[in-house]
């Protein structure tokens, strides 16, 4: 490979590392072209699966600040550069590896943190982003319903008290202020005679 081609390949890989939220390193020894094509199409929505040259990938990873693949770039390597949902991409790789044991997941990186093969399998076992968001929305909706009930309770109690007072006034008649008014007039009248 000419030096210009190598530099272009390194620049492209560096760009892929930087533009991806995650990347998973795999070994594909023994897989056919048809199997790799099937894997690429299954990951297409969430990731780009690329066969890579180890030495160029090592240099590109260093330039991008990715250290997760140090010492793992041996044998026929391919990387899934994940730009979509990392959980769905991990599920796709895990499921493909179950059906095709020649695909070996070596490790990965997620938001700058290195992941080993077991951590990638745990990531694949998580529920999808949409399911987690739906659960969160349901929990928040239940909390809001409880809050509305708590805020509405004092208002409804006040309304019941006012309604009870109104019913009492209707049955017993209005409370008269006449005795208090008579006392006030008597006090004024007595005070007027002294002066």
N, C-alpha and C. Protein backbone atom coordinates (compact mmCIF):
# COMPACT_ATOMS: atom_id res chain seq x y z
N UNK A 1 0.86 -1.18 0.00
CA UNK A 1 0.00 0.00 0.00
C UNK A 1 0.90 1.23 0.00
N UNK A 2 0.63 2.17 -0.89
CA UNK A 2 1.43 3.38 -1.00
C UNK A 2 1.22 4.25 0.25
N UNK A 3 2.23 5.09 0.52
CA UNK A 3 2.18 5.93 1.73
C UNK A 3 0.96 6.84 1.73
N UNK A 4 0.62 7.42 0.57
CA UNK A 4 -0.56 8.28 0.49
C UNK A 4 -1.84 7.51 0.80
N UNK A 5 -1.92 6.28 0.29
CA UNK A 5 -3.09 5.44 0.55
C UNK A 5 -3.18 5.09 2.03
N UNK A 6 -2.02 4.80 2.64
CA UNK A 6 -2.00 4.48 4.07
C UNK A 6 -2.46 5.68 4.90
N UNK A 7 -1.95 6.85 4.55
CA UNK A 7 -2.34 8.05 5.28
C UNK A 7 -3.83 8.34 5.13
N UNK A 8 -4.35 8.12 3.93
CA UNK A 8 -5.79 8.33 3.71
C UNK A 8 -6.60 7.32 4.51
N UNK A 9 -6.14 6.06 4.54
CA UNK A 9 -6.85 5.03 5.30
C UNK A 9 -6.83 5.35 6.80
N UNK A 10 -5.68 5.82 7.30
CA UNK A 10 -5.57 6.18 8.72
C UNK A 10 -6.49 7.35 9.03
N UNK A 11 -6.51 8.34 8.15
CA UNK A 11 -7.38 9.51 8.35
C UNK A 11 -8.85 9.09 8.37
N UNK A 12 -9.24 8.19 7.47
CA UNK A 12 -10.62 7.72 7.42
C UNK A 12 -10.99 6.95 8.69
N UNK A 13 -10.10 6.06 9.14
CA UNK A 13 -10.37 5.31 10.37
C UNK A 13 -10.41 6.24 11.59
N UNK A 14 -9.53 7.21 11.63
CA UNK A 14 -9.52 8.18 12.74
C UNK A 14 -10.84 8.92 12.78
N UNK A 15 -11.31 9.33 11.62
CA UNK A 15 -12.59 10.02 11.52
C UNK A 15 -13.74 9.12 12.00
N UNK A 16 -13.70 7.84 11.63
CA UNK A 16 -14.75 6.91 12.06
C UNK A 16 -14.74 6.74 13.58
N UNK A 17 -13.54 6.64 14.17
CA UNK A 17 -13.44 6.53 15.62
C UNK A 17 -14.03 7.77 16.29
N UNK A 18 -13.73 8.93 15.76
CA UNK A 18 -14.20 10.19 16.37
C UNK A 18 -15.69 10.41 16.18
N UNK A 19 -16.23 9.96 15.06
CA UNK A 19 -17.64 10.17 14.75
C UNK A 19 -18.56 9.13 15.39
N UNK A 20 -17.99 8.06 15.93
CA UNK A 20 -18.78 6.97 16.50
C UNK A 20 -18.93 7.14 18.01
N UNK A 21 -20.10 6.78 18.51
CA UNK A 21 -20.30 6.80 19.96
C UNK A 21 -19.69 5.56 20.60
N UNK A 22 -19.52 4.52 19.79
CA UNK A 22 -18.94 3.27 20.28
C UNK A 22 -18.31 2.52 19.10
N UNK A 23 -17.44 1.57 19.44
CA UNK A 23 -16.83 0.72 18.43
C UNK A 23 -16.57 -0.64 19.06
N UNK A 24 -16.79 -1.70 18.27
CA UNK A 24 -16.57 -3.06 18.76
C UNK A 24 -15.60 -3.77 17.82
N UNK A 25 -14.53 -4.30 18.42
CA UNK A 25 -13.51 -5.02 17.67
C UNK A 25 -13.87 -6.50 17.62
N UNK A 26 -13.83 -7.05 16.42
CA UNK A 26 -14.15 -8.48 16.25
C UNK A 26 -13.05 -9.15 15.42
N UNK A 27 -13.01 -10.48 15.55
CA UNK A 27 -12.18 -11.29 14.66
C UNK A 27 -13.13 -12.12 13.82
N UNK A 28 -12.91 -12.12 12.52
CA UNK A 28 -13.86 -12.77 11.62
C UNK A 28 -13.25 -13.97 10.89
N UNK A 29 -12.17 -14.52 11.42
CA UNK A 29 -11.46 -15.62 10.76
C UNK A 29 -12.42 -16.78 10.44
N UNK A 30 -12.48 -17.17 9.17
CA UNK A 30 -13.29 -18.31 8.75
C UNK A 30 -14.68 -17.95 8.26
N UNK A 31 -15.09 -16.69 8.39
CA UNK A 31 -16.41 -16.30 7.89
C UNK A 31 -16.34 -16.05 6.39
N UNK A 32 -17.38 -16.43 5.70
CA UNK A 32 -17.43 -16.23 4.24
C UNK A 32 -17.85 -14.79 3.93
N UNK A 33 -17.66 -14.41 2.69
CA UNK A 33 -18.07 -13.08 2.23
C UNK A 33 -19.58 -12.93 2.39
N UNK A 34 -20.33 -13.97 2.12
CA UNK A 34 -21.79 -13.92 2.25
C UNK A 34 -22.18 -13.69 3.72
N UNK A 35 -21.49 -14.34 4.64
CA UNK A 35 -21.78 -14.15 6.06
C UNK A 35 -21.45 -12.72 6.51
N UNK A 36 -20.33 -12.20 6.05
CA UNK A 36 -19.96 -10.82 6.39
C UNK A 36 -20.95 -9.83 5.81
N UNK A 37 -21.43 -10.10 4.61
CA UNK A 37 -22.44 -9.24 3.99
C UNK A 37 -23.73 -9.27 4.79
N UNK A 38 -24.11 -10.45 5.26
CA UNK A 38 -25.31 -10.58 6.10
C UNK A 38 -25.13 -9.80 7.40
N UNK A 39 -23.96 -9.89 8.00
CA UNK A 39 -23.68 -9.15 9.24
C UNK A 39 -23.76 -7.65 9.00
N UNK A 40 -23.15 -7.19 7.92
CA UNK A 40 -23.19 -5.75 7.60
C UNK A 40 -24.63 -5.26 7.44
N UNK A 41 -25.44 -6.04 6.74
CA UNK A 41 -26.81 -5.59 6.51
C UNK A 41 -27.63 -5.62 7.80
N UNK A 42 -27.32 -6.54 8.71
CA UNK A 42 -28.07 -6.58 9.97
C UNK A 42 -27.69 -5.42 10.89
N UNK A 43 -26.48 -4.89 10.74
CA UNK A 43 -26.01 -3.78 11.57
C UNK A 43 -26.23 -2.42 10.93
N UNK A 44 -26.62 -2.40 9.67
CA UNK A 44 -26.65 -1.18 8.87
C UNK A 44 -27.35 0.00 9.55
N UNK A 45 -28.42 -0.25 10.29
CA UNK A 45 -29.19 0.83 10.90
C UNK A 45 -28.44 1.49 12.06
N UNK A 46 -27.56 0.74 12.72
CA UNK A 46 -26.90 1.24 13.92
C UNK A 46 -25.38 1.37 13.81
N UNK A 47 -24.78 0.70 12.83
CA UNK A 47 -23.32 0.68 12.77
C UNK A 47 -22.83 0.41 11.35
N UNK A 48 -21.55 0.72 11.17
CA UNK A 48 -20.84 0.39 9.94
C UNK A 48 -19.80 -0.66 10.29
N UNK A 49 -19.84 -1.79 9.62
CA UNK A 49 -18.91 -2.88 9.92
C UNK A 49 -17.83 -2.89 8.85
N UNK A 50 -16.59 -2.70 9.27
CA UNK A 50 -15.49 -2.57 8.31
C UNK A 50 -14.34 -3.50 8.65
N UNK A 51 -13.86 -4.23 7.66
CA UNK A 51 -12.64 -5.02 7.80
C UNK A 51 -11.48 -4.04 7.78
N UNK A 52 -10.54 -4.19 8.74
CA UNK A 52 -9.47 -3.20 8.89
C UNK A 52 -8.10 -3.87 8.91
N UNK A 53 -7.10 -3.08 8.57
CA UNK A 53 -5.71 -3.52 8.70
C UNK A 53 -5.25 -3.14 10.10
N UNK A 54 -4.64 -4.09 10.79
CA UNK A 54 -4.30 -3.90 12.20
C UNK A 54 -3.35 -2.74 12.46
N UNK A 55 -2.27 -2.65 11.70
CA UNK A 55 -1.28 -1.59 11.96
C UNK A 55 -1.87 -0.20 11.69
N UNK A 56 -2.66 -0.07 10.63
CA UNK A 56 -3.28 1.21 10.32
C UNK A 56 -4.34 1.57 11.37
N UNK A 57 -5.08 0.56 11.82
CA UNK A 57 -6.11 0.79 12.84
C UNK A 57 -5.47 1.20 14.15
N UNK A 58 -4.36 0.59 14.48
CA UNK A 58 -3.66 0.94 15.72
C UNK A 58 -3.23 2.40 15.70
N UNK A 59 -2.69 2.84 14.58
CA UNK A 59 -2.27 4.25 14.46
C UNK A 59 -3.48 5.18 14.50
N UNK A 60 -4.56 4.81 13.80
CA UNK A 60 -5.77 5.64 13.78
C UNK A 60 -6.39 5.74 15.17
N UNK A 61 -6.41 4.63 15.89
CA UNK A 61 -6.98 4.63 17.24
C UNK A 61 -6.17 5.56 18.15
N UNK A 62 -4.86 5.51 18.04
CA UNK A 62 -4.02 6.40 18.85
C UNK A 62 -4.29 7.86 18.51
N UNK A 63 -4.42 8.16 17.22
CA UNK A 63 -4.70 9.54 16.80
C UNK A 63 -6.06 10.00 17.32
N UNK A 64 -7.01 9.08 17.42
CA UNK A 64 -8.36 9.42 17.90
C UNK A 64 -8.46 9.38 19.42
N UNK A 65 -7.38 8.94 20.07
CA UNK A 65 -7.39 8.87 21.53
C UNK A 65 -8.07 7.62 22.08
N UNK A 66 -8.19 6.59 21.27
CA UNK A 66 -8.82 5.34 21.69
C UNK A 66 -7.72 4.35 22.08
N UNK A 67 -7.75 3.93 23.34
CA UNK A 67 -6.74 2.98 23.82
C UNK A 67 -7.33 1.61 24.09
N UNK A 68 -8.61 1.45 23.86
CA UNK A 68 -9.31 0.20 24.20
C UNK A 68 -8.81 -0.99 23.40
N UNK A 69 -8.23 -0.77 22.23
CA UNK A 69 -7.82 -1.88 21.38
C UNK A 69 -6.33 -2.19 21.47
N UNK A 70 -5.64 -1.55 22.39
CA UNK A 70 -4.21 -1.80 22.55
C UNK A 70 -3.96 -3.28 22.85
N UNK A 71 -3.12 -3.90 22.03
CA UNK A 71 -2.77 -5.30 22.23
C UNK A 71 -3.80 -6.29 21.71
N UNK A 72 -4.90 -5.83 21.18
CA UNK A 72 -5.94 -6.74 20.70
C UNK A 72 -6.00 -6.84 19.18
N UNK A 73 -5.26 -6.00 18.50
CA UNK A 73 -5.33 -5.98 17.04
C UNK A 73 -4.39 -7.04 16.46
N UNK A 74 -4.87 -8.28 16.49
CA UNK A 74 -4.14 -9.41 15.93
C UNK A 74 -5.10 -10.27 15.13
N UNK A 75 -4.61 -10.90 14.08
CA UNK A 75 -5.46 -11.74 13.26
C UNK A 75 -6.37 -10.90 12.38
N UNK A 76 -7.26 -11.55 11.65
CA UNK A 76 -8.19 -10.81 10.77
C UNK A 76 -9.20 -10.02 11.62
N UNK A 77 -9.08 -8.71 11.58
CA UNK A 77 -9.89 -7.84 12.43
C UNK A 77 -10.90 -7.05 11.63
N UNK A 78 -12.03 -6.80 12.27
CA UNK A 78 -13.06 -5.93 11.71
C UNK A 78 -13.67 -5.16 12.88
N UNK A 79 -14.10 -3.94 12.60
CA UNK A 79 -14.65 -3.10 13.65
C UNK A 79 -16.05 -2.64 13.24
N UNK A 80 -16.95 -2.72 14.22
CA UNK A 80 -18.29 -2.15 14.04
C UNK A 80 -18.24 -0.75 14.63
N UNK A 81 -18.28 0.26 13.77
CA UNK A 81 -18.31 1.65 14.21
C UNK A 81 -19.77 2.03 14.43
N UNK A 82 -20.14 2.23 15.67
CA UNK A 82 -21.54 2.41 16.04
C UNK A 82 -21.90 3.89 16.08
N UNK A 83 -22.86 4.27 15.26
CA UNK A 83 -23.35 5.65 15.24
C UNK A 83 -24.79 5.72 15.73
N UNK A 84 -25.47 4.59 15.79
CA UNK A 84 -26.86 4.53 16.27
C UNK A 84 -26.91 4.08 17.71
N UNK A 85 -27.89 3.26 18.02
CA UNK A 85 -28.10 2.75 19.37
C UNK A 85 -27.05 1.67 19.67
N UNK A 86 -26.17 1.90 20.66
CA UNK A 86 -25.14 0.91 20.98
C UNK A 86 -25.71 -0.42 21.46
N UNK A 87 -26.85 -0.37 22.15
CA UNK A 87 -27.47 -1.60 22.66
C UNK A 87 -27.93 -2.47 21.49
N UNK A 88 -28.58 -1.85 20.52
CA UNK A 88 -29.07 -2.61 19.36
C UNK A 88 -27.92 -3.17 18.53
N UNK A 89 -26.84 -2.39 18.39
CA UNK A 89 -25.68 -2.88 17.64
C UNK A 89 -25.04 -4.05 18.37
N UNK A 90 -24.91 -3.95 19.70
CA UNK A 90 -24.34 -5.05 20.49
C UNK A 90 -25.21 -6.29 20.39
N UNK A 91 -26.53 -6.11 20.39
CA UNK A 91 -27.45 -7.24 20.22
C UNK A 91 -27.25 -7.90 18.86
N UNK A 92 -27.10 -7.07 17.83
CA UNK A 92 -26.88 -7.62 16.49
C UNK A 92 -25.61 -8.44 16.40
N UNK A 93 -24.54 -7.93 17.00
CA UNK A 93 -23.28 -8.67 16.99
C UNK A 93 -23.38 -9.96 17.82
N UNK A 94 -24.01 -9.86 18.99
CA UNK A 94 -24.15 -11.04 19.86
C UNK A 94 -24.97 -12.12 19.16
N UNK A 95 -26.10 -11.72 18.56
CA UNK A 95 -26.97 -12.69 17.89
C UNK A 95 -26.27 -13.33 16.70
N UNK A 96 -25.54 -12.53 15.94
CA UNK A 96 -24.81 -13.08 14.80
C UNK A 96 -23.73 -14.05 15.27
N UNK A 97 -23.04 -13.71 16.37
CA UNK A 97 -21.99 -14.58 16.90
C UNK A 97 -22.57 -15.90 17.42
N UNK A 98 -23.81 -15.87 17.93
CA UNK A 98 -24.45 -17.12 18.37
C UNK A 98 -24.66 -18.05 17.20
N UNK A 99 -25.13 -17.48 16.07
CA UNK A 99 -25.39 -18.28 14.88
C UNK A 99 -24.11 -18.62 14.12
N UNK A 100 -23.08 -17.79 14.27
CA UNK A 100 -21.82 -17.95 13.55
C UNK A 100 -20.66 -17.84 14.56
N UNK A 101 -20.34 -18.95 15.23
CA UNK A 101 -19.33 -18.90 16.29
C UNK A 101 -17.93 -18.49 15.83
N UNK A 102 -17.72 -18.40 14.54
CA UNK A 102 -16.41 -17.95 14.05
C UNK A 102 -16.22 -16.44 14.26
N UNK A 103 -17.30 -15.71 14.49
CA UNK A 103 -17.19 -14.29 14.81
C UNK A 103 -16.88 -14.18 16.30
N UNK A 104 -15.73 -13.60 16.61
CA UNK A 104 -15.30 -13.47 17.99
C UNK A 104 -15.30 -11.98 18.36
N UNK A 105 -16.06 -11.65 19.39
CA UNK A 105 -16.06 -10.27 19.89
C UNK A 105 -14.91 -10.13 20.87
N UNK A 106 -13.96 -9.25 20.55
CA UNK A 106 -12.76 -9.11 21.37
C UNK A 106 -12.90 -8.03 22.43
N UNK A 107 -13.51 -6.92 22.08
CA UNK A 107 -13.63 -5.81 23.01
C UNK A 107 -14.22 -4.62 22.30
N UNK A 108 -14.28 -3.52 23.01
CA UNK A 108 -14.84 -2.35 22.40
C UNK A 108 -14.61 -1.10 23.23
N UNK A 109 -15.22 -0.04 22.77
CA UNK A 109 -15.15 1.24 23.46
C UNK A 109 -16.52 1.89 23.36
N UNK A 110 -17.00 2.45 24.48
CA UNK A 110 -18.29 3.13 24.51
C UNK A 110 -18.10 4.46 25.21
N UNK A 111 -18.32 5.54 24.49
CA UNK A 111 -18.15 6.90 25.03
C UNK A 111 -16.78 7.07 25.70
N UNK A 112 -15.75 6.52 25.04
CA UNK A 112 -14.38 6.68 25.54
C UNK A 112 -13.96 5.67 26.58
N UNK A 113 -14.87 4.83 27.06
CA UNK A 113 -14.54 3.83 28.08
C UNK A 113 -14.31 2.49 27.41
N UNK A 114 -13.21 1.82 27.75
CA UNK A 114 -12.97 0.49 27.17
C UNK A 114 -13.95 -0.55 27.72
N UNK A 115 -14.34 -1.47 26.86
CA UNK A 115 -15.23 -2.58 27.24
C UNK A 115 -14.59 -3.89 26.84
N UNK A 116 -14.71 -4.89 27.71
CA UNK A 116 -14.24 -6.21 27.29
C UNK A 116 -15.42 -6.97 26.68
N UNK A 117 -15.16 -8.18 26.21
CA UNK A 117 -16.21 -8.95 25.52
C UNK A 117 -17.41 -9.21 26.42
N UNK A 118 -17.17 -9.49 27.71
CA UNK A 118 -18.29 -9.74 28.62
C UNK A 118 -19.15 -8.49 28.82
N UNK A 119 -18.53 -7.34 28.89
CA UNK A 119 -19.28 -6.09 29.05
C UNK A 119 -20.12 -5.79 27.82
N UNK A 120 -19.62 -6.15 26.66
CA UNK A 120 -20.40 -5.96 25.43
C UNK A 120 -21.61 -6.89 25.44
N UNK A 121 -21.45 -8.12 25.94
CA UNK A 121 -22.58 -9.04 26.06
C UNK A 121 -23.60 -8.50 27.05
N UNK A 122 -23.14 -7.90 28.15
CA UNK A 122 -24.07 -7.30 29.12
C UNK A 122 -24.81 -6.12 28.49
N UNK A 123 -24.09 -5.34 27.68
CA UNK A 123 -24.72 -4.23 26.96
C UNK A 123 -25.81 -4.75 26.03
N UNK A 124 -25.55 -5.88 25.40
CA UNK A 124 -26.54 -6.48 24.48
C UNK A 124 -27.76 -6.98 25.23
N UNK A 125 -27.60 -7.32 26.51
CA UNK A 125 -28.73 -7.82 27.30
C UNK A 125 -29.64 -6.70 27.80
N UNK A 126 -29.20 -5.45 27.70
CA UNK A 126 -30.03 -4.33 28.12
C UNK A 126 -31.23 -4.19 27.18
N UNK A 127 -32.26 -3.53 27.70
CA UNK A 127 -33.40 -3.25 26.84
C UNK A 127 -33.06 -2.07 25.93
N UNK A 128 -33.76 -1.97 24.84
CA UNK A 128 -33.46 -0.91 23.88
C UNK A 128 -33.78 0.46 24.47
N UNK A 129 -33.26 1.48 23.87
CA UNK A 129 -33.45 2.86 24.32
C UNK A 129 -34.94 3.21 24.36
N UNK A 130 -35.68 2.78 23.35
CA UNK A 130 -37.10 3.09 23.27
C UNK A 130 -37.87 2.46 24.43
N UNK A 131 -37.53 1.21 24.77
CA UNK A 131 -38.21 0.52 25.87
C UNK A 131 -37.89 1.22 27.20
N UNK A 132 -36.62 1.58 27.39
CA UNK A 132 -36.23 2.27 28.63
C UNK A 132 -36.91 3.63 28.73
N UNK A 133 -37.02 4.35 27.62
CA UNK A 133 -37.70 5.64 27.64
C UNK A 133 -39.19 5.48 27.93
N UNK A 134 -39.79 4.43 27.39
CA UNK A 134 -41.22 4.18 27.65
C UNK A 134 -41.44 3.86 29.13
N UNK A 135 -40.56 3.08 29.72
CA UNK A 135 -40.67 2.77 31.15
C UNK A 135 -40.50 4.03 31.99
N UNK A 136 -39.54 4.86 31.62
CA UNK A 136 -39.32 6.12 32.34
C UNK A 136 -40.55 7.02 32.22
N UNK A 137 -41.11 7.11 31.04
CA UNK A 137 -42.31 7.94 30.84
C UNK A 137 -43.47 7.40 31.67
N UNK A 138 -43.64 6.10 31.74
CA UNK A 138 -44.70 5.51 32.56
C UNK A 138 -44.52 5.82 34.04
N UNK A 139 -43.28 5.72 34.51
CA UNK A 139 -43.00 6.03 35.92
C UNK A 139 -43.26 7.50 36.21
N UNK A 140 -42.85 8.36 35.28
CA UNK A 140 -43.07 9.80 35.48
C UNK A 140 -44.56 10.12 35.44
N UNK A 141 -45.30 9.47 34.57
CA UNK A 141 -46.74 9.69 34.47
C UNK A 141 -47.43 9.29 35.77
N UNK A 142 -47.02 8.16 36.35
CA UNK A 142 -47.60 7.72 37.62
C UNK A 142 -47.29 8.72 38.73
N UNK A 143 -46.05 9.22 38.74
CA UNK A 143 -45.67 10.21 39.76
C UNK A 143 -46.47 11.49 39.58
N UNK A 144 -46.67 11.92 38.37
CA UNK A 144 -47.46 13.13 38.12
C UNK A 144 -48.91 12.94 38.54
N UNK A 145 -49.46 11.77 38.30
CA UNK A 145 -50.85 11.50 38.70
C UNK A 145 -50.98 11.57 40.22
N UNK A 146 -50.00 11.03 40.93
CA UNK A 146 -50.02 11.10 42.39
C UNK A 146 -49.89 12.54 42.86
N UNK A 147 -49.05 13.31 42.21
CA UNK A 147 -48.87 14.71 42.59
C UNK A 147 -50.16 15.50 42.36
N UNK A 148 -50.82 15.26 41.24
CA UNK A 148 -52.08 15.95 40.96
C UNK A 148 -53.11 15.61 42.03
N UNK A 149 -53.17 14.34 42.42
CA UNK A 149 -54.11 13.94 43.47
C UNK A 149 -53.78 14.65 44.78
N UNK A 150 -52.49 14.72 45.14
CA UNK A 150 -52.10 15.38 46.40
C UNK A 150 -52.41 16.87 46.38
N UNK A 151 -52.20 17.51 45.24
CA UNK A 151 -52.48 18.95 45.15
C UNK A 151 -53.99 19.21 45.11
N UNK A 152 -54.74 18.32 44.53
CA UNK A 152 -56.18 18.52 44.40
C UNK A 152 -56.93 18.18 45.69
N UNK A 153 -56.36 17.35 46.55
CA UNK A 153 -57.04 16.93 47.78
C UNK A 153 -57.41 18.11 48.68
N UNK A 154 -56.50 19.03 49.01
CA UNK A 154 -56.90 20.16 49.86
C UNK A 154 -57.99 21.03 49.22
N UNK A 155 -57.94 21.22 47.92
CA UNK A 155 -58.96 22.01 47.25
C UNK A 155 -60.32 21.34 47.34
N UNK A 156 -60.36 20.03 47.16
CA UNK A 156 -61.64 19.34 47.23
C UNK A 156 -62.17 19.34 48.66
N UNK A 157 -61.27 19.24 49.65
CA UNK A 157 -61.71 19.31 51.05
C UNK A 157 -62.29 20.69 51.36
N UNK A 158 -61.64 21.74 50.88
CA UNK A 158 -62.14 23.10 51.08
C UNK A 158 -63.50 23.27 50.42
N UNK A 159 -63.63 22.74 49.24
CA UNK A 159 -64.92 22.83 48.54
C UNK A 159 -66.02 22.11 49.32
N UNK A 160 -65.70 20.95 49.91
CA UNK A 160 -66.69 20.22 50.71
C UNK A 160 -67.08 21.01 51.96
N UNK A 161 -66.13 21.68 52.63
CA UNK A 161 -66.42 22.48 53.82
C UNK A 161 -67.31 23.66 53.46
N UNK A 162 -66.99 24.35 52.38
CA UNK A 162 -67.80 25.49 51.93
C UNK A 162 -69.21 25.02 51.58
N UNK A 163 -69.31 23.88 50.93
CA UNK A 163 -70.62 23.34 50.56
C UNK A 163 -71.42 22.98 51.81
N UNK A 164 -70.76 22.41 52.82
CA UNK A 164 -71.44 22.06 54.06
C UNK A 164 -71.92 23.32 54.78
N UNK A 165 -71.11 24.38 54.81
CA UNK A 165 -71.52 25.64 55.44
C UNK A 165 -72.72 26.25 54.69
N UNK A 166 -72.69 26.19 53.38
CA UNK A 166 -73.80 26.72 52.59
C UNK A 166 -75.08 25.95 52.90
N UNK A 167 -74.98 24.63 53.00
CA UNK A 167 -76.16 23.82 53.31
C UNK A 167 -76.68 24.14 54.71
N UNK A 168 -75.78 24.36 55.65
CA UNK A 168 -76.18 24.70 57.02
C UNK A 168 -76.92 26.03 57.05
N UNK A 169 -76.40 27.02 56.32
CA UNK A 169 -77.03 28.34 56.27
C UNK A 169 -78.41 28.23 55.64
N UNK A 170 -78.55 27.41 54.62
CA UNK A 170 -79.85 27.25 53.97
C UNK A 170 -80.86 26.61 54.90
N UNK A 171 -80.44 25.68 55.72
CA UNK A 171 -81.38 25.00 56.61
C UNK A 171 -81.67 25.81 57.88
N UNK A 172 -80.66 26.48 58.45
CA UNK A 172 -80.84 27.20 59.70
C UNK A 172 -81.12 28.68 59.49
N UNK A 173 -80.88 29.17 58.34
CA UNK A 173 -81.06 30.59 58.08
C UNK A 173 -79.74 31.32 58.29
N UNK A 174 -79.66 32.55 57.80
CA UNK A 174 -78.41 33.28 57.93
C UNK A 174 -78.14 33.63 59.39
N UNK A 175 -76.88 33.73 59.73
CA UNK A 175 -76.47 34.13 61.07
C UNK A 175 -76.71 35.63 61.17
N UNK A 176 -77.40 36.05 62.21
CA UNK A 176 -77.78 37.46 62.33
C UNK A 176 -76.70 38.24 63.03
N UNK A 177 -76.42 39.42 62.50
CA UNK A 177 -75.49 40.34 63.12
C UNK A 177 -76.26 41.41 63.88
N UNK A 178 -77.57 41.26 64.04
CA UNK A 178 -78.41 42.28 64.68
C UNK A 178 -78.03 42.55 66.12
N UNK A 179 -77.79 41.57 67.02
CA UNK A 179 -77.43 41.89 68.39
C UNK A 179 -76.14 42.69 68.46
N UNK A 180 -75.18 42.37 67.66
CA UNK A 180 -73.92 43.11 67.68
C UNK A 180 -74.15 44.53 67.20
N UNK A 181 -75.02 44.71 66.24
CA UNK A 181 -75.32 46.05 65.74
C UNK A 181 -76.05 46.87 66.81
N UNK A 182 -76.99 46.26 67.56
CA UNK A 182 -77.71 46.97 68.61
C UNK A 182 -76.77 47.43 69.71
N UNK A 183 -75.81 46.58 70.09
CA UNK A 183 -74.85 46.96 71.14
C UNK A 183 -74.01 48.14 70.68
N UNK A 184 -73.59 48.12 69.45
CA UNK A 184 -72.77 49.20 68.92
C UNK A 184 -73.53 50.50 68.94
N UNK A 185 -74.83 50.51 68.58
CA UNK A 185 -75.63 51.75 68.58
C UNK A 185 -75.87 52.22 70.01
N UNK A 186 -76.04 51.33 70.93
CA UNK A 186 -76.27 51.72 72.31
C UNK A 186 -75.03 52.38 72.89
N UNK A 187 -73.85 51.84 72.59
CA UNK A 187 -72.60 52.43 73.07
C UNK A 187 -72.41 53.83 72.51
N UNK A 188 -72.73 54.02 71.26
CA UNK A 188 -72.58 55.33 70.63
C UNK A 188 -73.56 56.31 71.26
N UNK A 189 -74.79 55.84 71.49
CA UNK A 189 -75.80 56.73 72.05
C UNK A 189 -75.42 57.16 73.47
N UNK A 190 -74.92 56.24 74.26
CA UNK A 190 -74.50 56.58 75.63
C UNK A 190 -73.35 57.54 75.62
N UNK A 191 -72.42 57.33 74.70
CA UNK A 191 -71.26 58.22 74.60
C UNK A 191 -71.68 59.61 74.17
N UNK A 192 -72.74 59.75 73.40
CA UNK A 192 -73.20 61.03 72.91
C UNK A 192 -73.85 61.85 74.03
N UNK A 193 -74.49 61.23 75.02
CA UNK A 193 -75.15 61.94 76.10
C UNK A 193 -74.15 62.58 77.07
N UNK A 194 -72.99 61.98 77.19
CA UNK A 194 -71.99 62.50 78.10
C UNK A 194 -71.41 63.80 77.60
N UNK A 195 -71.29 63.99 76.38
CA UNK A 195 -70.60 65.09 75.80
C UNK A 195 -71.35 66.30 75.71
